[in-house]
Each structure stands twice: as C-alpha cells, then as structure tokens.
C-alpha cells in the first residue's frame, strides 16, 4: 500500500514539474513599421518577462550588424538594415528564435 502511494506521489510530482518546464516557451515577433524601422517584442509563454534578452541583428551572410536588448517592456526598435537580414532572440539554449527579414512584414 505504501509503495502505491509513493508511486502515485512520484508520478504526480513528475507530471507537475514537466508541465512547468514545458510552459517556458519563448515568444518573439517583429514588424516592419514602414518608416525605415523594425519593431520587435518578446516574452515567454508562462508570462515571465523577456526584459534584457539580447536581440542580435545579422546581415545576409550571418555577420552581426547590431546587438540590442529588449527593454523593460520586452520590446525593441531599430533601423531596418539594407538588403537581407535576420533578427535573433537569444534567450539561451533551447530558447532562441531566428526571424529572417523576409518574414518581417508591415
């Protein structure tokens, strides 16, 4: 009987902790402001702030053009690069999102 209780407790704890781990998915979106600037905002699916997360703008060859970070409001705005570019939300291992400039629309 005690063995069953322990097994049920362990299983419940495992499922609870798995749910917490899965709930921290990064969210990131960028928009062309049609005025020569790009606006991006980020966050996490569990509602935690993305303030201070590095945002790296790269040219078409992968060279870093700018390194920025999300504001306390979890957003950033920068001048739109000429030619091909991409924007990286650098949330750490397993929490990176790369958006090609070709997918950033008005």
N, C-alpha and C. Protein backbone atom coordinates (compact mmCIF):
# COMPACT_ATOMS: atom_id res chain seq x y z
N UNK A 1 0.83 -1.19 0.00
CA UNK A 1 0.00 0.00 0.00
C UNK A 1 0.88 1.26 0.00
N UNK A 2 1.87 1.29 0.87
CA UNK A 2 2.77 2.44 0.94
C UNK A 2 3.52 2.61 -0.38
N UNK A 3 3.86 1.51 -1.00
CA UNK A 3 4.55 1.55 -2.29
C UNK A 3 3.67 2.23 -3.35
N UNK A 4 2.38 1.92 -3.36
CA UNK A 4 1.47 2.52 -4.32
C UNK A 4 1.33 4.03 -4.08
N UNK A 5 1.24 4.41 -2.85
CA UNK A 5 1.13 5.84 -2.51
C UNK A 5 2.38 6.57 -2.97
N UNK A 6 3.54 6.00 -2.70
CA UNK A 6 4.80 6.62 -3.12
C UNK A 6 4.85 6.73 -4.64
N UNK A 7 4.45 5.69 -5.35
CA UNK A 7 4.46 5.70 -6.80
C UNK A 7 3.52 6.77 -7.35
N UNK A 8 2.31 6.87 -6.79
CA UNK A 8 1.36 7.89 -7.23
C UNK A 8 1.89 9.30 -6.94
N UNK A 9 2.50 9.49 -5.78
CA UNK A 9 3.07 10.78 -5.42
C UNK A 9 4.19 11.15 -6.40
N UNK A 10 5.08 10.22 -6.68
CA UNK A 10 6.18 10.46 -7.60
C UNK A 10 5.66 10.80 -9.00
N UNK A 11 4.66 10.06 -9.46
CA UNK A 11 4.09 10.30 -10.78
C UNK A 11 3.43 11.69 -10.84
N UNK A 12 2.70 12.06 -9.81
CA UNK A 12 2.06 13.38 -9.78
C UNK A 12 3.10 14.49 -9.78
N UNK A 13 4.16 14.34 -9.00
CA UNK A 13 5.22 15.34 -8.94
C UNK A 13 5.92 15.45 -10.30
N UNK A 14 6.18 14.34 -10.95
CA UNK A 14 6.83 14.34 -12.25
C UNK A 14 5.98 15.07 -13.29
N UNK A 15 4.68 14.76 -13.32
CA UNK A 15 3.79 15.42 -14.27
C UNK A 15 3.69 16.91 -14.00
N UNK A 16 3.64 17.30 -12.75
CA UNK A 16 3.57 18.72 -12.38
C UNK A 16 4.83 19.45 -12.83
N UNK A 17 5.99 18.89 -12.53
CA UNK A 17 7.25 19.53 -12.90
C UNK A 17 7.44 19.55 -14.41
N UNK A 18 6.98 18.52 -15.11
CA UNK A 18 7.08 18.51 -16.57
C UNK A 18 6.25 19.62 -17.17
N UNK A 19 5.09 19.86 -16.60
CA UNK A 19 4.23 20.94 -17.07
C UNK A 19 4.87 22.30 -16.88
N UNK A 20 5.54 22.48 -15.76
CA UNK A 20 6.23 23.75 -15.51
C UNK A 20 7.35 23.94 -16.51
N UNK A 21 8.14 22.93 -16.77
CA UNK A 21 9.26 23.04 -17.70
C UNK A 21 8.78 23.35 -19.11
N UNK A 22 7.69 22.76 -19.51
CA UNK A 22 7.18 22.96 -20.86
C UNK A 22 6.51 24.32 -21.03
N UNK A 23 6.17 24.99 -19.95
CA UNK A 23 5.43 26.24 -20.01
C UNK A 23 6.32 27.46 -20.22
N UNK A 24 7.58 27.27 -20.45
CA UNK A 24 8.51 28.39 -20.58
C UNK A 24 9.01 28.51 -22.03
N UNK A 25 8.10 28.51 -22.97
CA UNK A 25 8.43 28.61 -24.38
C UNK A 25 8.64 30.07 -24.76
N UNK A 26 9.72 30.39 -25.51
CA UNK A 26 9.92 31.78 -25.92
C UNK A 26 8.93 32.19 -27.00
N UNK A 27 8.56 33.46 -26.97
CA UNK A 27 7.67 34.06 -27.97
C UNK A 27 8.37 35.30 -28.50
N UNK A 28 8.36 35.49 -29.82
CA UNK A 28 9.07 36.63 -30.40
C UNK A 28 8.44 36.98 -31.74
N UNK A 29 8.21 38.26 -31.97
CA UNK A 29 7.62 38.72 -33.23
C UNK A 29 8.23 40.06 -33.60
N UNK A 30 8.40 40.28 -34.89
CA UNK A 30 8.93 41.55 -35.40
C UNK A 30 8.02 42.06 -36.51
N UNK A 31 7.93 43.40 -36.61
CA UNK A 31 7.07 44.05 -37.59
C UNK A 31 7.82 45.20 -38.25
N UNK A 32 7.65 45.33 -39.56
CA UNK A 32 8.21 46.45 -40.31
C UNK A 32 7.28 47.64 -40.10
N UNK A 33 7.79 48.74 -39.56
CA UNK A 33 6.97 49.91 -39.27
C UNK A 33 6.68 50.76 -40.52
N UNK A 34 7.24 50.40 -41.68
CA UNK A 34 7.07 51.12 -42.94
C UNK A 34 7.62 52.54 -42.88
N UNK A 35 8.52 52.79 -41.94
CA UNK A 35 9.17 54.10 -41.83
C UNK A 35 10.69 53.95 -41.73
N UNK A 36 11.18 52.77 -42.15
CA UNK A 36 12.62 52.51 -42.08
C UNK A 36 13.06 51.89 -40.77
N UNK A 37 12.09 51.52 -39.90
CA UNK A 37 12.43 50.89 -38.63
C UNK A 37 11.69 49.57 -38.49
N UNK A 38 12.20 48.74 -37.60
CA UNK A 38 11.59 47.44 -37.28
C UNK A 38 11.31 47.43 -35.79
N UNK A 39 10.12 46.95 -35.42
CA UNK A 39 9.72 46.83 -34.02
C UNK A 39 9.61 45.35 -33.68
N UNK A 40 10.22 44.94 -32.56
CA UNK A 40 10.14 43.55 -32.11
C UNK A 40 9.71 43.51 -30.65
N UNK A 41 8.99 42.45 -30.30
CA UNK A 41 8.61 42.23 -28.92
C UNK A 41 8.75 40.76 -28.60
N UNK A 42 9.09 40.46 -27.35
CA UNK A 42 9.30 39.08 -26.95
C UNK A 42 8.76 38.81 -25.57
N UNK A 43 8.74 37.55 -25.22
CA UNK A 43 8.28 37.12 -23.91
C UNK A 43 8.39 35.62 -23.81
N UNK A 44 7.75 35.09 -22.78
CA UNK A 44 7.73 33.65 -22.56
C UNK A 44 6.29 33.22 -22.30
N UNK A 45 5.97 32.01 -22.70
CA UNK A 45 4.59 31.52 -22.62
C UNK A 45 4.05 31.45 -21.20
N UNK A 46 4.93 31.42 -20.21
CA UNK A 46 4.47 31.38 -18.83
C UNK A 46 4.24 32.78 -18.26
N UNK A 47 4.39 33.80 -19.13
CA UNK A 47 4.15 35.18 -18.71
C UNK A 47 5.37 35.89 -18.15
N UNK A 48 6.50 35.20 -18.04
CA UNK A 48 7.69 35.85 -17.50
C UNK A 48 8.26 36.86 -18.49
N UNK A 49 8.89 37.86 -17.95
CA UNK A 49 9.43 38.96 -18.75
C UNK A 49 10.62 38.51 -19.59
N UNK A 50 10.78 39.18 -20.73
CA UNK A 50 11.95 38.95 -21.57
C UNK A 50 12.87 40.17 -21.53
N UNK A 51 12.63 41.07 -20.59
CA UNK A 51 13.47 42.27 -20.47
C UNK A 51 14.94 41.87 -20.33
N UNK A 52 15.78 42.54 -21.10
CA UNK A 52 17.21 42.27 -21.05
C UNK A 52 17.70 41.17 -21.97
N UNK A 53 16.79 40.46 -22.61
CA UNK A 53 17.19 39.39 -23.54
C UNK A 53 17.90 40.02 -24.72
N UNK A 54 19.08 39.49 -25.10
CA UNK A 54 19.79 40.04 -26.26
C UNK A 54 19.04 39.80 -27.56
N UNK A 55 19.04 40.81 -28.41
CA UNK A 55 18.48 40.75 -29.76
C UNK A 55 19.63 41.05 -30.70
N UNK A 56 19.92 40.13 -31.60
CA UNK A 56 21.06 40.26 -32.49
C UNK A 56 20.55 40.37 -33.93
N UNK A 57 20.92 41.46 -34.58
CA UNK A 57 20.55 41.69 -35.98
C UNK A 57 21.76 41.30 -36.82
N UNK A 58 21.53 40.40 -37.81
CA UNK A 58 22.61 39.91 -38.66
C UNK A 58 22.32 40.23 -40.12
N UNK A 59 23.38 40.40 -40.90
CA UNK A 59 23.19 40.59 -42.34
C UNK A 59 22.98 39.24 -43.02
N UNK A 60 22.80 39.26 -44.33
CA UNK A 60 22.54 38.04 -45.08
C UNK A 60 23.63 36.99 -45.00
N UNK A 61 24.85 37.41 -44.66
CA UNK A 61 25.98 36.47 -44.52
C UNK A 61 26.14 35.96 -43.10
N UNK A 62 25.29 36.43 -42.18
CA UNK A 62 25.37 36.00 -40.79
C UNK A 62 26.25 36.87 -39.92
N UNK A 63 26.78 37.96 -40.48
CA UNK A 63 27.60 38.87 -39.69
C UNK A 63 26.72 39.75 -38.81
N UNK A 64 27.16 39.99 -37.58
CA UNK A 64 26.39 40.81 -36.65
C UNK A 64 26.43 42.27 -37.08
N UNK A 65 25.25 42.86 -37.24
CA UNK A 65 25.12 44.28 -37.57
C UNK A 65 24.94 45.08 -36.29
N UNK A 66 24.05 44.59 -35.43
CA UNK A 66 23.74 45.26 -34.17
C UNK A 66 23.46 44.23 -33.08
N UNK A 67 23.81 44.59 -31.86
CA UNK A 67 23.41 43.81 -30.70
C UNK A 67 22.63 44.75 -29.80
N UNK A 68 21.40 44.39 -29.54
CA UNK A 68 20.49 45.20 -28.73
C UNK A 68 19.98 44.33 -27.59
N UNK A 69 19.10 44.87 -26.76
CA UNK A 69 18.41 44.03 -25.78
C UNK A 69 17.00 44.56 -25.59
N UNK A 70 16.12 43.64 -25.22
CA UNK A 70 14.73 44.03 -25.01
C UNK A 70 14.63 44.96 -23.80
N UNK A 71 13.79 45.97 -23.94
CA UNK A 71 13.58 46.95 -22.87
C UNK A 71 12.81 46.31 -21.70
N UNK A 72 12.56 47.10 -20.68
CA UNK A 72 11.80 46.57 -19.53
C UNK A 72 10.37 46.22 -19.94
N UNK A 73 9.93 46.74 -21.09
CA UNK A 73 8.62 46.39 -21.64
C UNK A 73 8.72 45.21 -22.61
N UNK A 74 9.89 44.60 -22.69
CA UNK A 74 10.16 43.44 -23.55
C UNK A 74 10.00 43.75 -25.03
N UNK A 75 10.41 44.97 -25.44
CA UNK A 75 10.36 45.33 -26.85
C UNK A 75 11.62 46.09 -27.24
N UNK A 76 11.81 46.26 -28.55
CA UNK A 76 12.97 46.98 -29.08
C UNK A 76 12.61 47.48 -30.47
N UNK A 77 13.19 48.59 -30.86
CA UNK A 77 13.01 49.14 -32.20
C UNK A 77 14.39 49.50 -32.74
N UNK A 78 14.60 49.24 -34.02
CA UNK A 78 15.90 49.54 -34.63
C UNK A 78 15.70 49.91 -36.09
N UNK A 79 16.72 50.54 -36.68
CA UNK A 79 16.69 50.89 -38.10
C UNK A 79 16.74 49.62 -38.93
N UNK A 80 15.87 49.55 -39.93
CA UNK A 80 15.81 48.38 -40.81
C UNK A 80 17.08 48.33 -41.65
N UNK A 81 17.81 47.20 -41.61
CA UNK A 81 19.02 47.07 -42.42
C UNK A 81 18.71 47.02 -43.92
N UNK A 82 19.66 47.44 -44.72
CA UNK A 82 19.56 47.31 -46.18
C UNK A 82 19.81 45.86 -46.55
N UNK A 83 19.12 45.36 -47.56
CA UNK A 83 19.35 44.00 -48.05
C UNK A 83 18.82 42.93 -47.11
N UNK A 84 19.35 41.72 -47.28
CA UNK A 84 18.93 40.59 -46.46
C UNK A 84 19.43 40.75 -45.03
N UNK A 85 18.57 40.35 -44.08
CA UNK A 85 18.95 40.39 -42.67
C UNK A 85 18.09 39.40 -41.89
N UNK A 86 18.47 39.16 -40.65
CA UNK A 86 17.67 38.33 -39.75
C UNK A 86 17.79 38.91 -38.35
N UNK A 87 16.83 38.54 -37.50
CA UNK A 87 16.80 39.03 -36.12
C UNK A 87 16.73 37.81 -35.20
N UNK A 88 17.67 37.73 -34.26
CA UNK A 88 17.76 36.60 -33.34
C UNK A 88 17.36 37.02 -31.94
N UNK A 89 16.38 36.33 -31.36
CA UNK A 89 16.02 36.43 -29.95
C UNK A 89 16.91 35.41 -29.26
N UNK A 90 17.91 35.87 -28.50
CA UNK A 90 18.91 34.99 -27.89
C UNK A 90 18.54 34.70 -26.44
N UNK A 91 17.53 33.83 -26.27
CA UNK A 91 17.02 33.51 -24.94
C UNK A 91 17.80 32.41 -24.23
N UNK A 92 18.92 31.98 -24.79
CA UNK A 92 19.70 30.91 -24.18
C UNK A 92 19.39 29.57 -24.84
N UNK A 93 20.10 28.57 -24.42
CA UNK A 93 19.98 27.25 -25.03
C UNK A 93 18.53 26.77 -25.05
N UNK A 94 18.05 26.45 -26.24
CA UNK A 94 16.69 25.96 -26.40
C UNK A 94 15.64 27.07 -26.40
N UNK A 95 16.08 28.32 -26.28
CA UNK A 95 15.14 29.44 -26.22
C UNK A 95 15.50 30.52 -27.24
N UNK A 96 16.10 30.13 -28.36
CA UNK A 96 16.45 31.07 -29.42
C UNK A 96 15.37 31.04 -30.51
N UNK A 97 15.11 32.22 -31.06
CA UNK A 97 14.20 32.31 -32.21
C UNK A 97 14.86 33.21 -33.24
N UNK A 98 15.01 32.72 -34.45
CA UNK A 98 15.60 33.48 -35.55
C UNK A 98 14.51 33.80 -36.56
N UNK A 99 14.34 35.09 -36.84
CA UNK A 99 13.34 35.52 -37.83
C UNK A 99 14.07 36.15 -39.01
N UNK A 100 13.97 35.54 -40.20
CA UNK A 100 14.56 36.15 -41.40
C UNK A 100 13.82 37.45 -41.74
N UNK A 101 14.53 38.44 -42.24
CA UNK A 101 13.94 39.69 -42.63
C UNK A 101 12.82 39.52 -43.65
N UNK A 102 12.93 38.49 -44.48
CA UNK A 102 11.90 38.23 -45.50
C UNK A 102 10.55 37.85 -44.88
N UNK A 103 10.54 37.52 -43.57
CA UNK A 103 9.30 37.17 -42.88
C UNK A 103 8.81 38.28 -41.96
N UNK A 104 9.43 39.46 -42.08
CA UNK A 104 9.01 40.61 -41.26
C UNK A 104 8.24 41.54 -42.17
N UNK A 105 6.95 41.68 -41.89
CA UNK A 105 6.04 42.44 -42.74
C UNK A 105 5.47 43.64 -42.01
N UNK A 106 4.87 44.57 -42.80
CA UNK A 106 4.19 45.73 -42.24
C UNK A 106 2.92 45.29 -41.54
